[in-house]
C-alpha atoms as a PDB file:
ATOM      1  CA  MET A   1      37.717   5.439 -34.678  1.00  0.00           C
ATOM      2  CA  SER A   2      34.500   5.292 -36.712  1.00  0.00           C
ATOM      3  CA  LEU A   3      32.116   8.227 -37.118  1.00  0.00           C
ATOM      4  CA  LYS A   4      28.512   7.379 -36.512  1.00  0.00           C
ATOM      5  CA  ILE A   5      25.849   9.688 -37.955  1.00  0.00           C
ATOM      6  CA  HIS A   6      22.141   9.114 -37.626  1.00  0.00           C
ATOM      7  CA  SER A   7      20.425   8.229 -40.813  1.00  0.00           C
ATOM      8  CA  PRO A   8      17.995  11.240 -40.805  1.00  0.00           C
ATOM      9  CA  TYR A   9      21.049  13.620 -40.744  1.00  0.00           C
ATOM     10  CA  LEU A  10      22.681  11.767 -43.574  1.00  0.00           C
ATOM     11  CA  PHE A  11      19.467  11.824 -45.572  1.00  0.00           C
ATOM     12  CA  GLY A  12      19.285  15.627 -44.997  1.00  0.00           C
ATOM     13  CA  ALA A  13      22.940  15.965 -45.966  1.00  0.00           C
ATOM     14  CA  TYR A  14      22.368  14.160 -49.335  1.00  0.00           C
ATOM     15  CA  LEU A  15      19.331  16.348 -50.072  1.00  0.00           C
ATOM     16  CA  PHE A  16      21.232  19.527 -49.149  1.00  0.00           C
ATOM     17  CA  ALA A  17      24.249  18.549 -51.329  1.00  0.00           C
ATOM     18  CA  GLY A  18      21.902  17.764 -54.212  1.00  0.00           C
ATOM     19  CA  ALA A  19      20.045  21.060 -53.808  1.00  0.00           C
ATOM     20  CA  VAL A  20      23.397  22.940 -53.894  1.00  0.00           C
ATOM     21  CA  ALA A  21      24.516  20.905 -56.927  1.00  0.00           C
ATOM     22  CA  GLY A  22      21.226  21.884 -58.637  1.00  0.00           C
ATOM     23  CA  ILE A  23      22.022  25.529 -58.355  1.00  0.00           C
ATOM     24  CA  VAL A  24      25.767  25.637 -58.821  1.00  0.00           C
ATOM     25  CA  VAL A  25      26.220  22.724 -61.252  1.00  0.00           C
ATOM     26  CA  ILE A  26      22.949  21.719 -63.049  1.00  0.00           C
ATOM     27  CA  HIS A  27      21.739  25.384 -63.563  1.00  0.00           C
ATOM     28  CA  PRO A  28      24.955  26.584 -65.203  1.00  0.00           C
ATOM     29  CA  LEU A  29      25.067  23.510 -67.442  1.00  0.00           C
ATOM     30  CA  VAL A  30      21.538  24.100 -68.654  1.00  0.00           C
ATOM     31  CA  LEU A  31      22.386  27.727 -69.378  1.00  0.00           C
ATOM     32  CA  ALA A  32      25.475  26.676 -71.270  1.00  0.00           C
ATOM     33  CA  ILE A  33      23.394  24.339 -73.467  1.00  0.00           C
ATOM     34  CA  MET A  34      20.888  27.187 -73.963  1.00  0.00           C
ATOM     35  CA  TRP A  35      23.609  29.541 -75.110  1.00  0.00           C
ATOM     36  CA  LEU A  36      24.953  26.929 -77.553  1.00  0.00           C
ATOM     37  CA  GLU A  37      21.456  26.591 -79.028  1.00  0.00           C
ATOM     38  CA  PHE A  38      21.023  30.362 -79.414  1.00  0.00           C
ATOM     39  CA  ALA A  39      24.529  30.787 -80.854  1.00  0.00           C
ATOM     40  CA  SER A  40      23.833  28.173 -83.499  1.00  0.00           C
ATOM     41  CA  VAL A  41      20.836  30.101 -84.934  1.00  0.00           C
ATOM     42  CA  ARG A  42      21.864  33.743 -84.303  1.00  0.00           C
ATOM     43  CA  VAL A  43      25.013  35.466 -85.565  1.00  0.00           C
ATOM     44  CA  ASP A  44      24.539  38.331 -83.034  1.00  0.00           C
ATOM     45  CA  ALA A  45      24.261  35.993 -80.076  1.00  0.00           C
ATOM     46  CA  THR A  46      25.435  37.456 -76.753  1.00  0.00           C
ATOM     47  CA  PRO A  47      28.951  36.406 -75.798  1.00  0.00           C
ATOM     48  CA  PHE A  48      29.041  33.363 -73.593  1.00  0.00           C
ATOM     49  CA  LEU A  49      30.441  34.957 -70.397  1.00  0.00           C
ATOM     50  CA  GLU A  50      28.089  37.923 -70.669  1.00  0.00           C
ATOM     51  CA  PHE A  51      25.115  35.525 -71.280  1.00  0.00           C
ATOM     52  CA  MET A  52      26.039  33.407 -68.232  1.00  0.00           C
ATOM     53  CA  GLN A  53      26.590  36.352 -65.904  1.00  0.00           C
ATOM     54  CA  SER A  54      23.194  37.869 -66.771  1.00  0.00           C
ATOM     55  CA  ARG A  55      21.284  34.625 -66.583  1.00  0.00           C
ATOM     56  CA  LEU A  56      22.816  33.066 -63.444  1.00  0.00           C
ATOM     57  CA  TRP A  57      21.715  35.835 -61.173  1.00  0.00           C
ATOM     58  CA  LEU A  58      18.136  35.577 -62.362  1.00  0.00           C
ATOM     59  CA  ALA A  59      17.771  32.459 -60.149  1.00  0.00           C
ATOM     60  CA  PHE A  60      18.152  34.705 -57.115  1.00  0.00           C
ATOM     61  CA  VAL A  61      15.727  37.400 -58.245  1.00  0.00           C
ATOM     62  CA  PRO A  62      12.338  37.046 -56.503  1.00  0.00           C
ATOM     63  CA  LYS A  63      10.557  37.403 -59.788  1.00  0.00           C
ATOM     64  CA  HIS A  64      12.273  34.297 -61.063  1.00  0.00           C
ATOM     65  CA  PHE A  65      12.443  32.345 -57.790  1.00  0.00           C
ATOM     66  CA  ASP A  66      10.387  29.595 -59.314  1.00  0.00           C
ATOM     67  CA  MET A  67      13.379  28.846 -61.536  1.00  0.00           C
ATOM     68  CA  ALA A  68      15.622  28.453 -58.508  1.00  0.00           C
ATOM     69  CA  VAL A  69      13.083  26.189 -56.808  1.00  0.00           C
ATOM     70  CA  ALA A  70      12.921  24.042 -59.944  1.00  0.00           C
ATOM     71  CA  PHE A  71      16.750  23.511 -59.957  1.00  0.00           C
ATOM     72  CA  ILE A  72      16.836  22.956 -56.186  1.00  0.00           C
ATOM     73  CA  ALA A  73      14.125  20.331 -56.574  1.00  0.00           C
ATOM     74  CA  LEU A  74      15.980  18.715 -59.406  1.00  0.00           C
ATOM     75  CA  GLY A  75      19.159  18.646 -57.359  1.00  0.00           C
ATOM     76  CA  GLY A  76      17.257  17.319 -54.424  1.00  0.00           C
ATOM     77  CA  CYS A  77      16.013  14.389 -56.489  1.00  0.00           C
ATOM     78  CA  LEU A  78      19.626  13.755 -57.541  1.00  0.00           C
ATOM     79  CA  GLY A  79      20.698  13.780 -53.897  1.00  0.00           C
ATOM     80  CA  PHE A  80      17.868  11.403 -53.019  1.00  0.00           C
ATOM     81  CA  GLY A  81      19.020   9.064 -55.772  1.00  0.00           C
ATOM     82  CA  PHE A  82      22.610   9.005 -54.449  1.00  0.00           C
ATOM     83  CA  TRP A  83      21.261   8.475 -50.903  1.00  0.00           C
ATOM     84  CA  LEU A  84      19.168   5.581 -52.021  1.00  0.00           C
ATOM     85  CA  PHE A  85      22.106   4.087 -53.982  1.00  0.00           C
ATOM     86  CA  THR A  86      24.410   4.420 -50.971  1.00  0.00           C
ATOM     87  CA  ARG A  87      21.899   2.826 -48.615  1.00  0.00           C
ATOM     88  CA  VAL A  88      21.695  -0.153 -50.927  1.00  0.00           C
ATOM     89  CA  GLN A  89      25.438  -0.465 -51.026  1.00  0.00           C
ATOM     90  CA  VAL A  90      25.804  -0.076 -47.284  1.00  0.00           C
ATOM     91  CA  GLN A  91      23.197  -2.765 -46.658  1.00  0.00           C
ATOM     92  CA  ARG A  92      24.966  -5.043 -49.156  1.00  0.00           C
ATOM     93  CA  ILE A  93      28.279  -4.544 -47.415  1.00  0.00           C
ATOM     94  CA  ARG A  94      26.763  -5.302 -44.080  1.00  0.00           C
ATOM     95  CA  ALA A  95      25.118  -8.450 -45.426  1.00  0.00           C
ATOM     96  CA  LEU A  96      28.486  -9.611 -46.991  1.00  0.00           C
ATOM     97  CA  ARG A  97      30.258  -8.862 -43.711  1.00  0.00           C
ATOM     98  CA  PHE A  98      27.717 -10.941 -41.797  1.00  0.00           C
ATOM     99  CA  LEU A  99      28.021 -13.729 -44.352  1.00  0.00           C
ATOM    100  CA  GLU A 100      31.784 -13.651 -44.047  1.00  0.00           C
ATOM    101  CA  GLU A 101      31.598 -13.876 -40.304  1.00  0.00           C
ATOM    102  CA  GLU A 102      29.173 -16.770 -40.533  1.00  0.00           C
ATOM    103  CA  ILE A 103      31.319 -18.503 -43.083  1.00  0.00           C
ATOM    104  CA  GLY A 104      34.393 -17.864 -40.959  1.00  0.00           C
ATOM    105  CA  ARG A 105      32.771 -19.702 -38.098  1.00  0.00           C
ATOM    106  CA  THR A 106      31.716 -22.547 -40.428  1.00  0.00           C
ATOM    107  CA  ILE A 107      34.958 -23.187 -42.281  1.00  0.00           C
ATOM    108  CA  PRO A 108      36.720 -24.927 -39.314  1.00  0.00           C
ATOM    109  CA  GLU A 109      33.588 -27.180 -38.835  1.00  0.00           C
ATOM    110  CA  ILE A 110      33.614 -28.073 -42.556  1.00  0.00           C
ATOM    111  CA  ILE A 111      37.289 -28.958 -42.348  1.00  0.00           C
ATOM    112  CA  LYS A 112      36.776 -31.039 -39.239  1.00  0.00           C
ATOM    113  CA  ALA A 113      33.867 -32.957 -40.867  1.00  0.00           C
ATOM    114  CA  GLY A 114      36.137 -33.951 -43.795  1.00  0.00           C
ATOM    115  CA  GLU A 115      35.378 -34.385 -47.482  1.00  0.00           C
ATOM    116  CA  SER A 116      31.999 -35.397 -48.690  1.00  0.00           C
ATOM    117  CA  GLY A 117      29.683 -35.145 -51.682  1.00  0.00           C
ATOM    118  CA  ARG A 118      29.409 -31.453 -51.020  1.00  0.00           C
ATOM    119  CA  VAL A 119      32.914 -30.712 -49.779  1.00  0.00           C
ATOM    120  CA  GLU A 120      36.395 -31.197 -51.238  1.00  0.00           C
ATOM    121  CA  PHE A 121      39.899 -30.176 -50.066  1.00  0.00           C
ATOM    122  CA  LYS A 122      42.779 -29.055 -52.290  1.00  0.00           C
ATOM    123  CA  SER A 123      46.238 -28.189 -51.101  1.00  0.00           C
ATOM    124  CA  SER A 124      46.885 -25.551 -53.740  1.00  0.00           C
ATOM    125  CA  ILE A 125      45.776 -24.129 -57.106  1.00  0.00           C
ATOM    126  CA  ARG A 126      49.164 -24.357 -58.888  1.00  0.00           C
ATOM    127  CA  TRP A 127      51.967 -25.153 -56.378  1.00  0.00           C
ATOM    128  CA  ASP A 128      53.015 -28.801 -56.401  1.00  0.00           C
ATOM    129  CA  LEU A 129      54.038 -29.573 -52.787  1.00  0.00           C
ATOM    130  CA  GLN A 130      55.855 -32.765 -53.795  1.00  0.00           C
ATOM    131  CA  LYS A 131      57.823 -31.331 -56.704  1.00  0.00           C
ATOM    132  CA  LYS A 132      58.187 -27.928 -54.927  1.00  0.00           C
ATOM    133  CA  SER A 133      57.449 -26.065 -58.189  1.00  0.00           C
ATOM    134  CA  ILE A 134      54.537 -24.629 -60.197  1.00  0.00           C
ATOM    135  CA  ASN A 135      52.369 -27.243 -61.753  1.00  0.00           C
ATOM    136  CA  ARG A 136      49.765 -25.787 -64.140  1.00  0.00           C
ATOM    137  CA  GLY A 137      47.939 -29.160 -64.266  1.00  0.00           C
ATOM    138  CA  LEU A 138      46.654 -28.494 -60.745  1.00  0.00           C
ATOM    139  CA  GLU A 139      44.677 -25.594 -62.258  1.00  0.00           C
ATOM    140  CA  THR A 140      42.771 -28.018 -64.342  1.00  0.00           C
ATOM    141  CA  VAL A 141      42.071 -30.101 -61.234  1.00  0.00           C
ATOM    142  CA  ILE A 142      40.561 -26.979 -59.573  1.00  0.00           C
ATOM    143  CA  ALA A 143      38.452 -26.258 -62.601  1.00  0.00           C
ATOM    144  CA  LYS A 144      37.334 -29.888 -62.781  1.00  0.00           C
ATOM    145  CA  THR A 145      36.134 -29.815 -59.159  1.00  0.00           C
ATOM    146  CA  ILE A 146      34.268 -26.536 -59.692  1.00  0.00           C
ATOM    147  CA  ALA A 147      32.622 -27.927 -62.809  1.00  0.00           C
ATOM    148  CA  GLY A 148      31.514 -31.029 -60.893  1.00  0.00           C
ATOM    149  CA  PHE A 149      29.887 -28.962 -58.196  1.00  0.00           C
ATOM    150  CA  CYS A 150      28.211 -26.653 -60.692  1.00  0.00           C
ATOM    151  CA  ASN A 151      26.777 -29.635 -62.596  1.00  0.00           C
ATOM    152  CA  THR A 152      25.432 -31.348 -59.530  1.00  0.00           C
ATOM    153  CA  ARG A 153      24.133 -29.716 -56.370  1.00  0.00           C
ATOM    154  CA  GLY A 154      26.801 -27.149 -55.595  1.00  0.00           C
ATOM    155  CA  GLY A 155      29.281 -27.396 -52.840  1.00  0.00           C
ATOM    156  CA  SER A 156      32.456 -26.093 -51.097  1.00  0.00           C
ATOM    157  CA  LEU A 157      35.971 -26.367 -52.376  1.00  0.00           C
ATOM    158  CA  VAL A 158      38.461 -25.565 -49.567  1.00  0.00           C
ATOM    159  CA  ILE A 159      41.931 -24.596 -50.860  1.00  0.00           C
ATOM    160  CA  GLY A 160      44.901 -24.695 -48.570  1.00  0.00           C
ATOM    161  CA  VAL A 161      43.814 -27.956 -46.868  1.00  0.00           C
ATOM    162  CA  ALA A 162      45.279 -31.400 -47.530  1.00  0.00           C
ATOM    163  CA  ASP A 163      43.031 -34.482 -48.178  1.00  0.00           C
ATOM    164  CA  ASP A 164      43.416 -35.512 -44.586  1.00  0.00           C
ATOM    165  CA  GLY A 165      42.266 -32.131 -43.231  1.00  0.00           C
ATOM    166  CA  ASN A 166      45.684 -30.766 -42.248  1.00  0.00           C
ATOM    167  CA  ILE A 167      46.096 -26.998 -42.832  1.00  0.00           C
ATOM    168  CA  VAL A 168      48.660 -26.456 -45.619  1.00  0.00           C
ATOM    169  CA  GLY A 169      47.983 -22.727 -46.133  1.00  0.00           C
ATOM    170  CA  LEU A 170      48.113 -20.599 -49.256  1.00  0.00           C
ATOM    171  CA  GLU A 171      51.535 -19.096 -48.824  1.00  0.00           C
ATOM    172  CA  HIS A 172      53.124 -21.275 -51.533  1.00  0.00           C
ATOM    173  CA  ASP A 173      50.404 -20.319 -53.988  1.00  0.00           C
ATOM    174  CA  TYR A 174      50.722 -16.611 -53.022  1.00  0.00           C
ATOM    175  CA  GLY A 175      54.405 -16.753 -54.037  1.00  0.00           C
ATOM    176  CA  THR A 176      53.474 -17.722 -57.592  1.00  0.00           C
ATOM    177  CA  LEU A 177      51.170 -14.744 -58.048  1.00  0.00           C
ATOM    178  CA  LYS A 178      51.747 -11.144 -59.209  1.00  0.00           C
ATOM    179  CA  ASN A 179      49.706  -9.909 -56.264  1.00  0.00           C
ATOM    180  CA  GLN A 180      50.907 -12.213 -53.426  1.00  0.00           C
ATOM    181  CA  ASN A 181      47.846 -11.958 -51.311  1.00  0.00           C
ATOM    182  CA  ARG A 182      44.181 -12.975 -51.011  1.00  0.00           C
ATOM    183  CA  ASP A 183      43.088 -10.688 -53.866  1.00  0.00           C
ATOM    184  CA  GLY A 184      45.729 -12.159 -56.128  1.00  0.00           C
ATOM    185  CA  LEU A 185      44.543 -15.687 -55.422  1.00  0.00           C
ATOM    186  CA  GLU A 186      40.907 -14.706 -55.991  1.00  0.00           C
ATOM    187  CA  ARG A 187      41.854 -13.250 -59.355  1.00  0.00           C
ATOM    188  CA  ALA A 188      43.888 -16.306 -60.303  1.00  0.00           C
ATOM    189  CA  VAL A 189      40.961 -18.656 -59.543  1.00  0.00           C
ATOM    190  CA  ALA A 190      38.599 -16.368 -61.457  1.00  0.00           C
ATOM    191  CA  ASP A 191      40.944 -16.536 -64.437  1.00  0.00           C
ATOM    192  CA  ILE A 192      41.003 -20.349 -64.223  1.00  0.00           C
ATOM    193  CA  VAL A 193      37.198 -20.392 -64.246  1.00  0.00           C
ATOM    194  CA  LYS A 194      36.952 -17.977 -67.098  1.00  0.00           C
ATOM    195  CA  LYS A 195      39.537 -19.759 -69.245  1.00  0.00           C
ATOM    196  CA  LYS A 196      38.394 -23.336 -68.643  1.00  0.00           C
ATOM    197  CA  LEU A 197      34.696 -23.106 -67.831  1.00  0.00           C
ATOM    198  CA  GLY A 198      33.384 -19.741 -69.142  1.00  0.00           C
ATOM    199  CA  GLY A 199      33.182 -16.272 -67.788  1.00  0.00           C
ATOM    200  CA  ASP A 200      29.464 -16.598 -66.920  1.00  0.00           C
ATOM    201  CA  ILE A 201      30.418 -19.110 -64.217  1.00  0.00           C
ATOM    202  CA  ILE A 202      32.512 -16.670 -62.225  1.00  0.00           C
ATOM    203  CA  PRO A 203      29.493 -15.083 -60.433  1.00  0.00           C
ATOM    204  CA  MET A 204      28.534 -18.628 -59.273  1.00  0.00           C
ATOM    205  CA  VAL A 205      31.794 -18.987 -57.252  1.00  0.00           C
ATOM    206  CA  HIS A 206      31.970 -17.095 -54.010  1.00  0.00           C
ATOM    207  CA  PHE A 207      35.200 -16.595 -52.082  1.00  0.00           C
ATOM    208  CA  SER A 208      35.794 -16.655 -48.322  1.00  0.00           C
ATOM    209  CA  PHE A 209      39.202 -16.465 -46.612  1.00  0.00           C
ATOM    210  CA  LEU A 210      40.147 -17.377 -43.077  1.00  0.00           C
ATOM    211  CA  GLU A 211      43.301 -17.617 -41.150  1.00  0.00           C
ATOM    212  CA  ILE A 212      43.653 -20.841 -39.242  1.00  0.00           C
ATOM    213  CA  ASP A 213      46.701 -21.693 -37.061  1.00  0.00           C
ATOM    214  CA  GLY A 214      48.446 -18.709 -38.675  1.00  0.00           C
ATOM    215  CA  ARG A 215      47.844 -19.873 -42.274  1.00  0.00           C
ATOM    216  CA  ASP A 216      45.321 -18.690 -44.800  1.00  0.00           C
ATOM    217  CA  VAL A 217      42.729 -21.028 -46.350  1.00  0.00           C
ATOM    218  CA  CYS A 218      40.176 -20.157 -48.991  1.00  0.00           C
ATOM    219  CA  MET A 219      36.764 -21.607 -49.359  1.00  0.00           C
ATOM    220  CA  LEU A 220      34.936 -21.450 -52.648  1.00  0.00           C
ATOM    221  CA  SER A 221      31.145 -21.698 -52.197  1.00  0.00           C
ATOM    222  CA  ILE A 222      29.982 -22.909 -55.623  1.00  0.00           C
ATOM    223  CA  GLU A 223      26.345 -22.633 -56.685  1.00  0.00           C
ATOM    224  CA  PRO A 224      24.627 -25.269 -58.977  1.00  0.00           C
ATOM    225  CA  THR A 225      24.277 -23.720 -62.470  1.00  0.00           C
ATOM    226  CA  SER A 226      21.312 -23.422 -64.738  1.00  0.00           C
ATOM    227  CA  ARG A 227      23.303 -24.815 -67.624  1.00  0.00           C
ATOM    228  CA  ALA A 228      25.663 -27.718 -68.241  1.00  0.00           C
ATOM    229  CA  VAL A 229      29.288 -26.700 -67.503  1.00  0.00           C
ATOM    230  CA  TYR A 230      32.022 -28.229 -69.695  1.00  0.00           C
ATOM    231  CA  LEU A 231      35.696 -28.204 -69.026  1.00  0.00           C
ATOM    232  CA  ASP A 232      37.934 -27.194 -71.886  1.00  0.00           C
ATOM    233  CA  GLU A 233      40.874 -29.575 -71.972  1.00  0.00           C
ATOM    234  CA  GLY A 234      42.926 -28.907 -75.105  1.00  0.00           C
ATOM    235  CA  ASN A 235      40.738 -29.592 -78.059  1.00  0.00           C
ATOM    236  CA  ALA A 236      38.075 -31.485 -76.072  1.00  0.00           C
ATOM    237  CA  SER A 237      35.236 -30.422 -73.847  1.00  0.00           C
ATOM    238  CA  THR A 238      34.638 -32.865 -70.933  1.00  0.00           C
ATOM    239  CA  PHE A 239      31.768 -33.091 -68.563  1.00  0.00           C
ATOM    240  CA  TYR A 240      32.159 -33.780 -64.848  1.00  0.00           C
ATOM    241  CA  ILE A 241      29.726 -34.317 -61.929  1.00  0.00           C
ATOM    242  CA  ARG A 242      30.154 -34.805 -58.233  1.00  0.00           C
ATOM    243  CA  SER A 243      29.790 -38.446 -57.233  1.00  0.00           C
ATOM    244  CA  GLY A 244      30.264 -39.456 -53.643  1.00  0.00           C
ATOM    245  CA  ASN A 245      33.491 -37.903 -52.385  1.00  0.00           C
ATOM    246  CA  SER A 246      35.021 -37.473 -55.782  1.00  0.00           C
ATOM    247  CA  THR A 247      34.561 -35.696 -59.112  1.00  0.00           C
ATOM    248  CA  ARG A 248      33.708 -38.120 -61.916  1.00  0.00           C
ATOM    249  CA  HIS A 249      33.968 -37.806 -65.692  1.00  0.00           C
ATOM    250  CA  LEU A 250      30.892 -38.833 -67.833  1.00  0.00           C
ATOM    251  CA  ASP A 251      31.194 -39.960 -71.364  1.00  0.00           C
ATOM    252  CA  VAL A 252      28.959 -38.433 -74.069  1.00  0.00           C
ATOM    253  CA  ARG A 253      25.994 -40.802 -73.567  1.00  0.00           C
ATOM    254  CA  GLU A 254      26.159 -40.458 -69.791  1.00  0.00           C
ATOM    255  CA  ALA A 255      26.526 -36.712 -70.031  1.00  0.00           C
ATOM    256  CA  LEU A 256      23.469 -36.389 -72.250  1.00  0.00           C
ATOM    257  CA  GLU A 257      21.345 -38.580 -69.972  1.00  0.00           C
ATOM    258  CA  PHE A 258      22.500 -36.654 -66.914  1.00  0.00           C
ATOM    259  CA  ALA A 259      21.853 -33.246 -68.526  1.00  0.00           C
ATOM    260  CA  LYS A 260      18.393 -34.349 -69.618  1.00  0.00           C
ATOM    261  CA  SER A 261      17.382 -35.162 -66.062  1.00  0.00           C
ATOM    262  CA  ARG A 262      19.360 -32.317 -64.361  1.00  0.00           C
ATOM    263  CA  TRP A 263      18.197 -29.473 -66.714  1.00  0.00           C
ATOM    264  CA  GLN A 264      14.988 -30.919 -67.992  1.00  0.00           C
ATOM    265  CA  THR A 265      12.898 -28.294 -69.738  1.00  0.00           C
ATOM    266  CA  HIS A 266       9.189 -28.305 -70.022  1.00  0.00           C
ATOM    267  CA  SER A 267       7.656 -27.092 -73.289  1.00  0.00           C
END
């Protein structure tokens, strides 16, 4: 059961909480700093507890009410800041939820349409279905595909789906992970990207999960990047692009020509 509170009440609650914090938290902290300052220059400084007790009550004396108003206003500003931050986060969560729902409706359509220049299927990230064992070479294949999409126009990599569109699921991959769930798979793919392509590429890869016919599939929505993405393969760095329904390796000359046209800069 969810609790729904109207926004004006929430706004007021944040301001009230901030105002209270201004009096009971910020005010004592400021006084403590003042005492430290006085104690550093006077050997006969008032003991800390005595100083705090005498000063704290001044905020509630009518003669010094302006001081209380100042701390209430300061706390209110703090509360407003937290309210604003929370609003942004809530809107972001709602947007992500909407995006997930939209993608959830789209994934079956993408799978049904089959592979293309913007879509590729992979059965797993590390589990070899034929050998029935872990095959780390498959991680390089995943990285190669991501690099190809990054270097071209972006695209979608659907994991847990065979080349013919049959749903394989992610259960075998889950079994190879420390955290045997969706979060674990997302971390594993992020580690592959970081290790083989570069940590700055991770934000360009967006994850969406969906259960189809009782099996999980994961779709990576990959943005085109503003720089050339190279795949680290041992001691060599290789360059891949998306060409037709496959990912193609370019030699040095081809890569330079492609990069010149793809990321052409104007002086």
